[in-house]
PDB file of N, CA and C in Angstrom:
ATOM      1  N   UNK A   1     -22.797 -70.782   7.313  1.00  0.00           N
ATOM      2  CA  UNK A   1     -21.675 -69.884   7.517  1.00  0.00           C
ATOM      3  C   UNK A   1     -21.898 -68.604   6.674  1.00  0.00           C
ATOM      4  N   UNK A   2     -21.598 -67.513   7.246  1.00  0.00           N
ATOM      5  CA  UNK A   2     -21.713 -66.218   6.585  1.00  0.00           C
ATOM      6  C   UNK A   2     -20.571 -66.002   5.627  1.00  0.00           C
ATOM      7  N   UNK A   3     -20.864 -65.390   4.518  1.00  0.00           N
ATOM      8  CA  UNK A   3     -19.830 -65.117   3.486  1.00  0.00           C
ATOM      9  C   UNK A   3     -18.852 -64.062   3.944  1.00  0.00           C
ATOM     10  N   UNK A   4     -17.571 -64.280   3.631  1.00  0.00           N
ATOM     11  CA  UNK A   4     -16.577 -63.245   3.869  1.00  0.00           C
ATOM     12  C   UNK A   4     -16.791 -62.146   2.839  1.00  0.00           C
ATOM     13  N   UNK A   5     -16.820 -60.920   3.352  1.00  0.00           N
ATOM     14  CA  UNK A   5     -17.089 -59.809   2.481  1.00  0.00           C
ATOM     15  C   UNK A   5     -15.780 -59.138   2.023  1.00  0.00           C
ATOM     16  N   UNK A   6     -15.795 -58.545   0.838  1.00  0.00           N
ATOM     17  CA  UNK A   6     -14.678 -57.781   0.408  1.00  0.00           C
ATOM     18  C   UNK A   6     -14.804 -56.399   0.987  1.00  0.00           C
ATOM     19  N   UNK A   7     -13.741 -55.587   0.889  1.00  0.00           N
ATOM     20  CA  UNK A   7     -13.813 -54.208   1.396  1.00  0.00           C
ATOM     21  C   UNK A   7     -14.885 -53.444   0.663  1.00  0.00           C
ATOM     22  N   UNK A   8     -15.005 -53.630  -0.627  1.00  0.00           N
ATOM     23  CA  UNK A   8     -16.016 -52.952  -1.400  1.00  0.00           C
ATOM     24  C   UNK A   8     -17.429 -53.297  -0.944  1.00  0.00           C
ATOM     25  N   UNK A   9     -17.650 -54.591  -0.666  1.00  0.00           N
ATOM     26  CA  UNK A   9     -18.939 -55.067  -0.189  1.00  0.00           C
ATOM     27  C   UNK A   9     -19.254 -54.477   1.169  1.00  0.00           C
ATOM     28  N   UNK A  10     -18.269 -54.361   2.030  1.00  0.00           N
ATOM     29  CA  UNK A  10     -18.485 -53.764   3.384  1.00  0.00           C
ATOM     30  C   UNK A  10     -18.832 -52.295   3.221  1.00  0.00           C
ATOM     31  N   UNK A  11     -18.130 -51.587   2.338  1.00  0.00           N
ATOM     32  CA  UNK A  11     -18.459 -50.177   2.111  1.00  0.00           C
ATOM     33  C   UNK A  11     -19.828 -49.963   1.565  1.00  0.00           C
ATOM     34  N   UNK A  12     -20.338 -50.917   0.798  1.00  0.00           N
ATOM     35  CA  UNK A  12     -21.648 -50.782   0.139  1.00  0.00           C
ATOM     36  C   UNK A  12     -22.831 -51.348   0.960  1.00  0.00           C
ATOM     37  N   UNK A  13     -22.521 -52.057   2.027  1.00  0.00           N
ATOM     38  CA  UNK A  13     -23.587 -52.743   2.806  1.00  0.00           C
ATOM     39  C   UNK A  13     -24.468 -51.722   3.508  1.00  0.00           C
ATOM     40  N   UNK A  14     -25.703 -52.089   3.633  1.00  0.00           N
ATOM     41  CA  UNK A  14     -26.651 -51.271   4.443  1.00  0.00           C
ATOM     42  C   UNK A  14     -26.745 -51.749   5.851  1.00  0.00           C
ATOM     43  N   UNK A  15     -26.040 -52.864   6.174  1.00  0.00           N
ATOM     44  CA  UNK A  15     -26.058 -53.427   7.502  1.00  0.00           C
ATOM     45  C   UNK A  15     -25.343 -52.519   8.546  1.00  0.00           C
ATOM     46  N   UNK A  16     -25.924 -52.331   9.680  1.00  0.00           N
ATOM     47  CA  UNK A  16     -25.291 -51.475  10.686  1.00  0.00           C
ATOM     48  C   UNK A  16     -24.261 -52.275  11.514  1.00  0.00           C
ATOM     49  N   UNK A  17     -24.393 -53.594  11.526  1.00  0.00           N
ATOM     50  CA  UNK A  17     -23.477 -54.431  12.278  1.00  0.00           C
ATOM     51  C   UNK A  17     -22.982 -55.584  11.355  1.00  0.00           C
ATOM     52  N   UNK A  18     -21.731 -55.943  11.565  1.00  0.00           N
ATOM     53  CA  UNK A  18     -21.108 -57.019  10.766  1.00  0.00           C
ATOM     54  C   UNK A  18     -20.760 -58.160  11.724  1.00  0.00           C
ATOM     55  N   UNK A  19     -20.432 -59.305  11.174  1.00  0.00           N
ATOM     56  CA  UNK A  19     -20.040 -60.468  11.965  1.00  0.00           C
ATOM     57  C   UNK A  19     -18.534 -60.706  11.774  1.00  0.00           C
ATOM     58  N   UNK A  20     -17.924 -61.450  12.693  1.00  0.00           N
ATOM     59  CA  UNK A  20     -16.517 -61.819  12.467  1.00  0.00           C
ATOM     60  C   UNK A  20     -16.294 -62.544  11.139  1.00  0.00           C
ATOM     61  N   UNK A  21     -17.206 -63.396  10.743  1.00  0.00           N
ATOM     62  CA  UNK A  21     -17.086 -64.104   9.449  1.00  0.00           C
ATOM     63  C   UNK A  21     -17.038 -63.140   8.293  1.00  0.00           C
ATOM     64  N   UNK A  22     -17.837 -62.065   8.352  1.00  0.00           N
ATOM     65  CA  UNK A  22     -17.900 -61.133   7.236  1.00  0.00           C
ATOM     66  C   UNK A  22     -16.623 -60.266   7.128  1.00  0.00           C
ATOM     67  N   UNK A  23     -15.983 -59.897   8.218  1.00  0.00           N
ATOM     68  CA  UNK A  23     -14.841 -59.036   8.181  1.00  0.00           C
ATOM     69  C   UNK A  23     -13.513 -59.760   8.114  1.00  0.00           C
ATOM     70  N   UNK A  24     -13.524 -61.071   8.408  1.00  0.00           N
ATOM     71  CA  UNK A  24     -12.248 -61.821   8.487  1.00  0.00           C
ATOM     72  C   UNK A  24     -11.450 -61.825   7.221  1.00  0.00           C
ATOM     73  N   UNK A  25     -12.138 -61.831   6.067  1.00  0.00           N
ATOM     74  CA  UNK A  25     -11.403 -61.804   4.800  1.00  0.00           C
ATOM     75  C   UNK A  25     -10.612 -60.509   4.605  1.00  0.00           C
ATOM     76  N   UNK A  26     -11.182 -59.390   4.974  1.00  0.00           N
ATOM     77  CA  UNK A  26     -10.540 -58.096   4.812  1.00  0.00           C
ATOM     78  C   UNK A  26      -9.366 -58.033   5.772  1.00  0.00           C
ATOM     79  N   UNK A  27      -9.507 -58.588   6.945  1.00  0.00           N
ATOM     80  CA  UNK A  27      -8.435 -58.529   7.906  1.00  0.00           C
ATOM     81  C   UNK A  27      -7.343 -59.601   7.726  1.00  0.00           C
ATOM     82  N   UNK A  28      -7.697 -60.651   6.959  1.00  0.00           N
ATOM     83  CA  UNK A  28      -6.728 -61.689   6.677  1.00  0.00           C
ATOM     84  C   UNK A  28      -6.489 -62.578   7.902  1.00  0.00           C
ATOM     85  N   UNK A  29      -7.560 -62.849   8.631  1.00  0.00           N
ATOM     86  CA  UNK A  29      -7.446 -63.677   9.819  1.00  0.00           C
ATOM     87  C   UNK A  29      -8.661 -64.574   9.912  1.00  0.00           C
ATOM     88  N   UNK A  30      -8.603 -65.534  10.847  1.00  0.00           N
ATOM     89  CA  UNK A  30      -9.723 -66.429  11.068  1.00  0.00           C
ATOM     90  C   UNK A  30     -10.813 -65.727  11.867  1.00  0.00           C
ATOM     91  N   UNK A  31     -12.077 -65.961  11.537  1.00  0.00           N
ATOM     92  CA  UNK A  31     -13.174 -65.355  12.326  1.00  0.00           C
ATOM     93  C   UNK A  31     -13.094 -65.759  13.820  1.00  0.00           C
ATOM     94  N   UNK A  32     -12.660 -66.914  14.126  1.00  0.00           N
ATOM     95  CA  UNK A  32     -12.575 -67.340  15.491  1.00  0.00           C
ATOM     96  C   UNK A  32     -11.584 -66.507  16.299  1.00  0.00           C
ATOM     97  N   UNK A  33     -10.531 -66.054  15.646  1.00  0.00           N
ATOM     98  CA  UNK A  33      -9.567 -65.133  16.312  1.00  0.00           C
ATOM     99  C   UNK A  33     -10.264 -63.865  16.757  1.00  0.00           C
ATOM    100  N   UNK A  34     -11.104 -63.365  15.895  1.00  0.00           N
ATOM    101  CA  UNK A  34     -11.847 -62.125  16.230  1.00  0.00           C
ATOM    102  C   UNK A  34     -12.813 -62.402  17.413  1.00  0.00           C
ATOM    103  N   UNK A  35     -13.479 -63.552  17.374  1.00  0.00           N
ATOM    104  CA  UNK A  35     -14.429 -63.864  18.447  1.00  0.00           C
ATOM    105  C   UNK A  35     -13.719 -64.023  19.799  1.00  0.00           C
ATOM    106  N   UNK A  36     -12.608 -64.720  19.778  1.00  0.00           N
ATOM    107  CA  UNK A  36     -11.811 -64.969  21.014  1.00  0.00           C
ATOM    108  C   UNK A  36     -11.366 -63.629  21.609  1.00  0.00           C
ATOM    109  N   UNK A  37     -10.810 -62.797  20.756  1.00  0.00           N
ATOM    110  CA  UNK A  37     -10.301 -61.483  21.270  1.00  0.00           C
ATOM    111  C   UNK A  37     -11.494 -60.593  21.729  1.00  0.00           C
ATOM    112  N   UNK A  38     -12.597 -60.673  21.041  1.00  0.00           N
ATOM    113  CA  UNK A  38     -13.758 -59.833  21.382  1.00  0.00           C
ATOM    114  C   UNK A  38     -14.296 -60.185  22.772  1.00  0.00           C
ATOM    115  N   UNK A  39     -14.169 -61.447  23.155  1.00  0.00           N
ATOM    116  CA  UNK A  39     -14.760 -61.863  24.448  1.00  0.00           C
ATOM    117  C   UNK A  39     -13.846 -61.627  25.627  1.00  0.00           C
ATOM    118  N   UNK A  40     -12.576 -61.357  25.363  1.00  0.00           N
ATOM    119  CA  UNK A  40     -11.591 -61.115  26.429  1.00  0.00           C
ATOM    120  C   UNK A  40     -11.319 -59.582  26.531  1.00  0.00           C
ATOM    121  N   UNK A  41     -11.632 -58.974  27.654  1.00  0.00           N
ATOM    122  CA  UNK A  41     -11.466 -57.542  27.782  1.00  0.00           C
ATOM    123  C   UNK A  41     -10.036 -57.040  27.445  1.00  0.00           C
ATOM    124  N   UNK A  42      -9.015 -57.788  27.775  1.00  0.00           N
ATOM    125  CA  UNK A  42      -7.625 -57.350  27.491  1.00  0.00           C
ATOM    126  C   UNK A  42      -7.297 -57.567  26.005  1.00  0.00           C
ATOM    127  N   UNK A  43      -7.673 -58.673  25.466  1.00  0.00           N
ATOM    128  CA  UNK A  43      -7.396 -58.968  24.062  1.00  0.00           C
ATOM    129  C   UNK A  43      -8.252 -58.080  23.137  1.00  0.00           C
ATOM    130  N   UNK A  44      -9.419 -57.667  23.600  1.00  0.00           N
ATOM    131  CA  UNK A  44     -10.319 -56.849  22.787  1.00  0.00           C
ATOM    132  C   UNK A  44      -9.592 -55.567  22.353  1.00  0.00           C
ATOM    133  N   UNK A  45      -8.754 -55.053  23.242  1.00  0.00           N
ATOM    134  CA  UNK A  45      -8.038 -53.809  22.937  1.00  0.00           C
ATOM    135  C   UNK A  45      -7.090 -53.968  21.764  1.00  0.00           C
ATOM    136  N   UNK A  46      -6.605 -55.193  21.527  1.00  0.00           N
ATOM    137  CA  UNK A  46      -5.645 -55.430  20.416  1.00  0.00           C
ATOM    138  C   UNK A  46      -6.293 -55.473  19.081  1.00  0.00           C
ATOM    139  N   UNK A  47      -7.587 -55.524  18.999  1.00  0.00           N
ATOM    140  CA  UNK A  47      -8.271 -55.570  17.720  1.00  0.00           C
ATOM    141  C   UNK A  47      -8.109 -54.251  16.985  1.00  0.00           C
ATOM    142  N   UNK A  48      -8.257 -53.112  17.721  1.00  0.00           N
ATOM    143  CA  UNK A  48      -8.083 -51.799  17.108  1.00  0.00           C
ATOM    144  C   UNK A  48      -9.415 -51.254  16.595  1.00  0.00           C
ATOM    145  N   UNK A  49     -10.460 -52.000  16.685  1.00  0.00           N
ATOM    146  CA  UNK A  49     -11.797 -51.520  16.245  1.00  0.00           C
ATOM    147  C   UNK A  49     -12.792 -52.009  17.319  1.00  0.00           C
ATOM    148  N   UNK A  50     -13.907 -51.290  17.459  1.00  0.00           N
ATOM    149  CA  UNK A  50     -14.880 -51.676  18.470  1.00  0.00           C
ATOM    150  C   UNK A  50     -15.655 -52.926  18.120  1.00  0.00           C
ATOM    151  N   UNK A  51     -15.940 -53.729  19.114  1.00  0.00           N
ATOM    152  CA  UNK A  51     -16.761 -54.928  18.965  1.00  0.00           C
ATOM    153  C   UNK A  51     -17.764 -54.960  20.101  1.00  0.00           C
ATOM    154  N   UNK A  52     -18.874 -55.598  19.876  1.00  0.00           N
ATOM    155  CA  UNK A  52     -19.847 -55.772  20.967  1.00  0.00           C
ATOM    156  C   UNK A  52     -20.013 -57.289  21.141  1.00  0.00           C
ATOM    157  N   UNK A  53     -19.610 -57.784  22.296  1.00  0.00           N
ATOM    158  CA  UNK A  53     -19.715 -59.184  22.615  1.00  0.00           C
ATOM    159  C   UNK A  53     -20.690 -59.369  23.753  1.00  0.00           C
ATOM    160  N   UNK A  54     -21.803 -60.015  23.472  1.00  0.00           N
ATOM    161  CA  UNK A  54     -22.845 -60.283  24.473  1.00  0.00           C
ATOM    162  C   UNK A  54     -23.191 -61.760  24.319  1.00  0.00           C
ATOM    163  N   UNK A  55     -22.887 -62.512  25.344  1.00  0.00           N
ATOM    164  CA  UNK A  55     -23.109 -63.951  25.298  1.00  0.00           C
ATOM    165  C   UNK A  55     -22.220 -64.545  24.179  1.00  0.00           C
ATOM    166  N   UNK A  56     -22.814 -65.328  23.344  1.00  0.00           N
ATOM    167  CA  UNK A  56     -22.020 -65.925  22.267  1.00  0.00           C
ATOM    168  C   UNK A  56     -22.014 -65.083  21.004  1.00  0.00           C
ATOM    169  N   UNK A  57     -22.654 -63.985  21.003  1.00  0.00           N
ATOM    170  CA  UNK A  57     -22.727 -63.139  19.814  1.00  0.00           C
ATOM    171  C   UNK A  57     -21.601 -62.069  19.832  1.00  0.00           C
ATOM    172  N   UNK A  58     -21.010 -61.886  18.675  1.00  0.00           N
ATOM    173  CA  UNK A  58     -20.004 -60.882  18.494  1.00  0.00           C
ATOM    174  C   UNK A  58     -20.420 -60.061  17.302  1.00  0.00           C
ATOM    175  N   UNK A  59     -20.593 -58.763  17.450  1.00  0.00           N
ATOM    176  CA  UNK A  59     -20.972 -57.850  16.364  1.00  0.00           C
ATOM    177  C   UNK A  59     -19.963 -56.730  16.271  1.00  0.00           C
ATOM    178  N   UNK A  60     -19.817 -56.229  15.067  1.00  0.00           N
ATOM    179  CA  UNK A  60     -18.848 -55.173  14.771  1.00  0.00           C
ATOM    180  C   UNK A  60     -19.606 -54.038  14.091  1.00  0.00           C
ATOM    181  N   UNK A  61     -19.659 -52.874  14.709  1.00  0.00           N
ATOM    182  CA  UNK A  61     -20.323 -51.740  14.101  1.00  0.00           C
ATOM    183  C   UNK A  61     -19.689 -51.377  12.726  1.00  0.00           C
ATOM    184  N   UNK A  62     -20.466 -51.403  11.688  1.00  0.00           N
ATOM    185  CA  UNK A  62     -19.957 -51.195  10.318  1.00  0.00           C
ATOM    186  C   UNK A  62     -19.212 -49.881  10.180  1.00  0.00           C
ATOM    187  N   UNK A  63     -19.831 -48.796  10.555  1.00  0.00           N
ATOM    188  CA  UNK A  63     -19.239 -47.487  10.336  1.00  0.00           C
ATOM    189  C   UNK A  63     -17.915 -47.349  11.102  1.00  0.00           C
ATOM    190  N   UNK A  64     -17.876 -47.831  12.342  1.00  0.00           N
ATOM    191  CA  UNK A  64     -16.642 -47.777  13.128  1.00  0.00           C
ATOM    192  C   UNK A  64     -15.571 -48.698  12.526  1.00  0.00           C
ATOM    193  N   UNK A  65     -15.985 -49.838  11.958  1.00  0.00           N
ATOM    194  CA  UNK A  65     -15.005 -50.741  11.397  1.00  0.00           C
ATOM    195  C   UNK A  65     -14.405 -50.062  10.143  1.00  0.00           C
ATOM    196  N   UNK A  66     -15.211 -49.397   9.357  1.00  0.00           N
ATOM    197  CA  UNK A  66     -14.714 -48.707   8.164  1.00  0.00           C
ATOM    198  C   UNK A  66     -13.747 -47.563   8.567  1.00  0.00           C
ATOM    199  N   UNK A  67     -14.074 -46.858   9.640  1.00  0.00           N
ATOM    200  CA  UNK A  67     -13.166 -45.782  10.072  1.00  0.00           C
ATOM    201  C   UNK A  67     -11.825 -46.415  10.469  1.00  0.00           C
ATOM    202  N   UNK A  68     -11.858 -47.572  11.163  1.00  0.00           N
ATOM    203  CA  UNK A  68     -10.628 -48.251  11.533  1.00  0.00           C
ATOM    204  C   UNK A  68      -9.849 -48.620  10.264  1.00  0.00           C
ATOM    205  N   UNK A  69     -10.468 -49.144   9.262  1.00  0.00           N
ATOM    206  CA  UNK A  69      -9.785 -49.556   8.029  1.00  0.00           C
ATOM    207  C   UNK A  69      -9.214 -48.295   7.314  1.00  0.00           C
ATOM    208  N   UNK A  70      -9.892 -47.143   7.483  1.00  0.00           N
ATOM    209  CA  UNK A  70      -9.414 -45.909   6.849  1.00  0.00           C
ATOM    210  C   UNK A  70      -8.309 -45.241   7.640  1.00  0.00           C
ATOM    211  N   UNK A  71      -7.917 -45.849   8.755  1.00  0.00           N
ATOM    212  CA  UNK A  71      -6.797 -45.317   9.527  1.00  0.00           C
ATOM    213  C   UNK A  71      -7.188 -44.455  10.715  1.00  0.00           C
ATOM    214  N   UNK A  72      -8.443 -44.248  10.979  1.00  0.00           N
ATOM    215  CA  UNK A  72      -8.845 -43.456  12.130  1.00  0.00           C
ATOM    216  C   UNK A  72      -8.610 -44.255  13.420  1.00  0.00           C
ATOM    217  N   UNK A  73      -8.055 -43.623  14.399  1.00  0.00           N
ATOM    218  CA  UNK A  73      -7.823 -44.313  15.666  1.00  0.00           C
ATOM    219  C   UNK A  73      -9.120 -44.297  16.465  1.00  0.00           C
ATOM    220  N   UNK A  74      -9.304 -45.350  17.262  1.00  0.00           N
ATOM    221  CA  UNK A  74     -10.512 -45.443  18.089  1.00  0.00           C
ATOM    222  C   UNK A  74     -10.101 -46.101  19.421  1.00  0.00           C
ATOM    223  N   UNK A  75     -10.426 -45.448  20.528  1.00  0.00           N
ATOM    224  CA  UNK A  75     -10.179 -45.992  21.833  1.00  0.00           C
ATOM    225  C   UNK A  75     -11.323 -46.924  22.170  1.00  0.00           C
ATOM    226  N   UNK A  76     -11.052 -48.206  22.216  1.00  0.00           N
ATOM    227  CA  UNK A  76     -12.091 -49.195  22.534  1.00  0.00           C
ATOM    228  C   UNK A  76     -12.368 -49.136  24.013  1.00  0.00           C
ATOM    229  N   UNK A  77     -13.586 -48.830  24.334  1.00  0.00           N
ATOM    230  CA  UNK A  77     -14.020 -48.722  25.735  1.00  0.00           C
ATOM    231  C   UNK A  77     -14.732 -49.996  26.175  1.00  0.00           C
ATOM    232  N   UNK A  78     -14.204 -50.655  27.137  1.00  0.00           N
ATOM    233  CA  UNK A  78     -14.812 -51.864  27.640  1.00  0.00           C
ATOM    234  C   UNK A  78     -16.062 -51.533  28.426  1.00  0.00           C
ATOM    235  N   UNK A  79     -16.186 -50.322  28.915  1.00  0.00           N
ATOM    236  CA  UNK A  79     -17.407 -49.901  29.620  1.00  0.00           C
ATOM    237  C   UNK A  79     -18.621 -49.946  28.758  1.00  0.00           C
ATOM    238  N   UNK A  80     -18.416 -49.725  27.443  1.00  0.00           N
ATOM    239  CA  UNK A  80     -19.541 -49.827  26.515  1.00  0.00           C
ATOM    240  C   UNK A  80     -20.131 -51.224  26.529  1.00  0.00           C
ATOM    241  N   UNK A  81     -19.275 -52.231  26.564  1.00  0.00           N
ATOM    242  CA  UNK A  81     -19.785 -53.636  26.598  1.00  0.00           C
ATOM    243  C   UNK A  81     -20.541 -53.903  27.900  1.00  0.00           C
ATOM    244  N   UNK A  82     -20.045 -53.383  29.005  1.00  0.00           N
ATOM    245  CA  UNK A  82     -20.722 -53.572  30.299  1.00  0.00           C
ATOM    246  C   UNK A  82     -22.079 -52.931  30.252  1.00  0.00           C
ATOM    247  N   UNK A  83     -22.132 -51.704  29.740  1.00  0.00           N
ATOM    248  CA  UNK A  83     -23.426 -51.016  29.621  1.00  0.00           C
ATOM    249  C   UNK A  83     -24.386 -51.761  28.726  1.00  0.00           C
ATOM    250  N   UNK A  84     -23.856 -52.246  27.582  1.00  0.00           N
ATOM    251  CA  UNK A  84     -24.705 -53.011  26.661  1.00  0.00           C
ATOM    252  C   UNK A  84     -25.297 -54.242  27.289  1.00  0.00           C
ATOM    253  N   UNK A  85     -24.476 -54.961  28.045  1.00  0.00           N
ATOM    254  CA  UNK A  85     -24.958 -56.191  28.696  1.00  0.00           C
ATOM    255  C   UNK A  85     -26.076 -55.830  29.731  1.00  0.00           C
ATOM    256  N   UNK A  86     -25.843 -54.769  30.453  1.00  0.00           N
ATOM    257  CA  UNK A  86     -26.859 -54.375  31.459  1.00  0.00           C
ATOM    258  C   UNK A  86     -28.182 -53.982  30.777  1.00  0.00           C
ATOM    259  N   UNK A  87     -28.057 -53.199  29.717  1.00  0.00           N
ATOM    260  CA  UNK A  87     -29.210 -52.765  28.971  1.00  0.00           C
ATOM    261  C   UNK A  87     -29.933 -53.983  28.362  1.00  0.00           C
ATOM    262  N   UNK A  88     -29.174 -54.900  27.825  1.00  0.00           N
ATOM    263  CA  UNK A  88     -29.775 -56.130  27.204  1.00  0.00           C
ATOM    264  C   UNK A  88     -30.583 -56.910  28.244  1.00  0.00           C
ATOM    265  N   UNK A  89     -30.035 -57.050  29.414  1.00  0.00           N
ATOM    266  CA  UNK A  89     -30.735 -57.771  30.483  1.00  0.00           C
ATOM    267  C   UNK A  89     -32.073 -57.071  30.792  1.00  0.00           C
ATOM    268  N   UNK A  90     -32.046 -55.783  30.925  1.00  0.00           N
ATOM    269  CA  UNK A  90     -33.241 -55.063  31.223  1.00  0.00           C
ATOM    270  C   UNK A  90     -34.255 -55.108  30.077  1.00  0.00           C
ATOM    271  N   UNK A  91     -33.769 -55.041  28.845  1.00  0.00           N
ATOM    272  CA  UNK A  91     -34.630 -55.067  27.683  1.00  0.00           C
ATOM    273  C   UNK A  91     -35.266 -56.438  27.531  1.00  0.00           C
ATOM    274  N   UNK A  92     -34.436 -57.522  27.642  1.00  0.00           N
ATOM    275  CA  UNK A  92     -35.013 -58.877  27.467  1.00  0.00           C
ATOM    276  C   UNK A  92     -36.096 -59.166  28.511  1.00  0.00           C
ATOM    277  N   UNK A  93     -35.883 -58.647  29.719  1.00  0.00           N
ATOM    278  CA  UNK A  93     -36.887 -58.902  30.737  1.00  0.00           C
ATOM    279  C   UNK A  93     -38.195 -58.194  30.447  1.00  0.00           C
ATOM    280  N   UNK A  94     -38.127 -57.131  29.607  1.00  0.00           N
ATOM    281  CA  UNK A  94     -39.348 -56.394  29.237  1.00  0.00           C
ATOM    282  C   UNK A  94     -39.928 -56.935  27.943  1.00  0.00           C
ATOM    283  N   UNK A  95     -39.264 -57.889  27.298  1.00  0.00           N
ATOM    284  CA  UNK A  95     -39.831 -58.523  26.100  1.00  0.00           C
ATOM    285  C   UNK A  95     -39.290 -57.986  24.799  1.00  0.00           C
ATOM    286  N   UNK A  96     -38.470 -56.943  24.813  1.00  0.00           N
ATOM    287  CA  UNK A  96     -37.907 -56.452  23.538  1.00  0.00           C
ATOM    288  C   UNK A  96     -36.727 -57.287  23.109  1.00  0.00           C
ATOM    289  N   UNK A  97     -36.365 -57.207  21.844  1.00  0.00           N
ATOM    290  CA  UNK A  97     -35.206 -57.965  21.345  1.00  0.00           C
ATOM    291  C   UNK A  97     -33.942 -57.198  21.611  1.00  0.00           C
ATOM    292  N   UNK A  98     -33.032 -57.865  22.336  1.00  0.00           N
ATOM    293  CA  UNK A  98     -31.774 -57.247  22.742  1.00  0.00           C
ATOM    294  C   UNK A  98     -30.906 -56.880  21.550  1.00  0.00           C
ATOM    295  N   UNK A  99     -30.925 -57.705  20.508  1.00  0.00           N
ATOM    296  CA  UNK A  99     -30.028 -57.374  19.368  1.00  0.00           C
ATOM    297  C   UNK A  99     -30.452 -56.083  18.711  1.00  0.00           C
ATOM    298  N   UNK A 100     -31.722 -55.784  18.600  1.00  0.00           N
ATOM    299  CA  UNK A 100     -32.179 -54.524  18.033  1.00  0.00           C
ATOM    300  C   UNK A 100     -31.727 -53.329  18.900  1.00  0.00           C
ATOM    301  N   UNK A 101     -31.757 -53.525  20.203  1.00  0.00           N
ATOM    302  CA  UNK A 101     -31.329 -52.472  21.103  1.00  0.00           C
ATOM    303  C   UNK A 101     -29.817 -52.248  20.976  1.00  0.00           C
ATOM    304  N   UNK A 102     -29.076 -53.355  20.859  1.00  0.00           N
ATOM    305  CA  UNK A 102     -27.590 -53.231  20.704  1.00  0.00           C
ATOM    306  C   UNK A 102     -27.254 -52.488  19.445  1.00  0.00           C
ATOM    307  N   UNK A 103     -27.983 -52.718  18.400  1.00  0.00           N
ATOM    308  CA  UNK A 103     -27.712 -52.024  17.128  1.00  0.00           C
ATOM    309  C   UNK A 103     -27.962 -50.541  17.321  1.00  0.00           C
ATOM    310  N   UNK A 104     -29.122 -50.197  17.929  1.00  0.00           N
ATOM    311  CA  UNK A 104     -29.394 -48.738  18.140  1.00  0.00           C
ATOM    312  C   UNK A 104     -28.369 -48.130  19.086  1.00  0.00           C
ATOM    313  N   UNK A 105     -27.938 -48.837  20.133  1.00  0.00           N
ATOM    314  CA  UNK A 105     -26.985 -48.366  21.071  1.00  0.00           C
ATOM    315  C   UNK A 105     -25.637 -48.106  20.388  1.00  0.00           C
ATOM    316  N   UNK A 106     -25.187 -49.084  19.570  1.00  0.00           N
ATOM    317  CA  UNK A 106     -23.875 -48.922  18.902  1.00  0.00           C
ATOM    318  C   UNK A 106     -23.920 -47.752  17.911  1.00  0.00           C
ATOM    319  N   UNK A 107     -25.029 -47.594  17.231  1.00  0.00           N
ATOM    320  CA  UNK A 107     -25.125 -46.460  16.304  1.00  0.00           C
ATOM    321  C   UNK A 107     -25.002 -45.143  17.072  1.00  0.00           C
ATOM    322  N   UNK A 108     -25.642 -45.075  18.209  1.00  0.00           N
ATOM    323  CA  UNK A 108     -25.579 -43.839  18.973  1.00  0.00           C
ATOM    324  C   UNK A 108     -24.164 -43.577  19.474  1.00  0.00           C
ATOM    325  N   UNK A 109     -23.485 -44.633  19.932  1.00  0.00           N
ATOM    326  CA  UNK A 109     -22.129 -44.426  20.467  1.00  0.00           C
ATOM    327  C   UNK A 109     -21.126 -44.188  19.387  1.00  0.00           C
ATOM    328  N   UNK A 110     -21.106 -45.075  18.388  1.00  0.00           N
ATOM    329  CA  UNK A 110     -20.006 -45.036  17.410  1.00  0.00           C
ATOM    330  C   UNK A 110     -20.264 -44.086  16.271  1.00  0.00           C
ATOM    331  N   UNK A 111     -21.469 -43.591  16.116  1.00  0.00           N
ATOM    332  CA  UNK A 111     -21.762 -42.651  15.080  1.00  0.00           C
ATOM    333  C   UNK A 111     -21.857 -41.239  15.601  1.00  0.00           C
ATOM    334  N   UNK A 112     -21.409 -41.012  16.831  1.00  0.00           N
ATOM    335  CA  UNK A 112     -21.354 -39.682  17.398  1.00  0.00           C
ATOM    336  C   UNK A 112     -22.650 -39.202  18.002  1.00  0.00           C
ATOM    337  N   UNK A 113     -23.605 -40.060  18.290  1.00  0.00           N
ATOM    338  CA  UNK A 113     -24.867 -39.643  18.861  1.00  0.00           C
ATOM    339  C   UNK A 113     -24.830 -39.364  20.302  1.00  0.00           C
ATOM    340  N   UNK A 114     -23.751 -39.819  20.978  1.00  0.00           N
ATOM    341  CA  UNK A 114     -23.529 -39.551  22.415  1.00  0.00           C
ATOM    342  C   UNK A 114     -22.294 -38.691  22.554  1.00  0.00           C
ATOM    343  N   UNK A 115     -22.431 -37.579  23.190  1.00  0.00           N
ATOM    344  CA  UNK A 115     -21.240 -36.669  23.355  1.00  0.00           C
ATOM    345  C   UNK A 115     -20.676 -36.776  24.752  1.00  0.00           C
TER     346      UNK A 115
END
């Protein structure tokens, strides 16, 4: 099981993506609640921060999560998840690792790389 991180640890991490286990302590909720909401398009909107749910994996972009904690509003787009799933399918069929592509994709989207 992954360690629950403190806000300070999240701010200092070099990881581009976090897990529900890592952020649950800061949010004061169970990691499973985050996973359940992340997988449901309607419930995902109630989280208030972007998540990427592909198969059984749920990842949270670190920079976007920190912006959420700092009070910045973010419109969670479910189309991002659909695009990510499509890209992952294409990438996996070509032999690349989908998780690496998801990380690059989330950085581009959530860090302002796509206008």
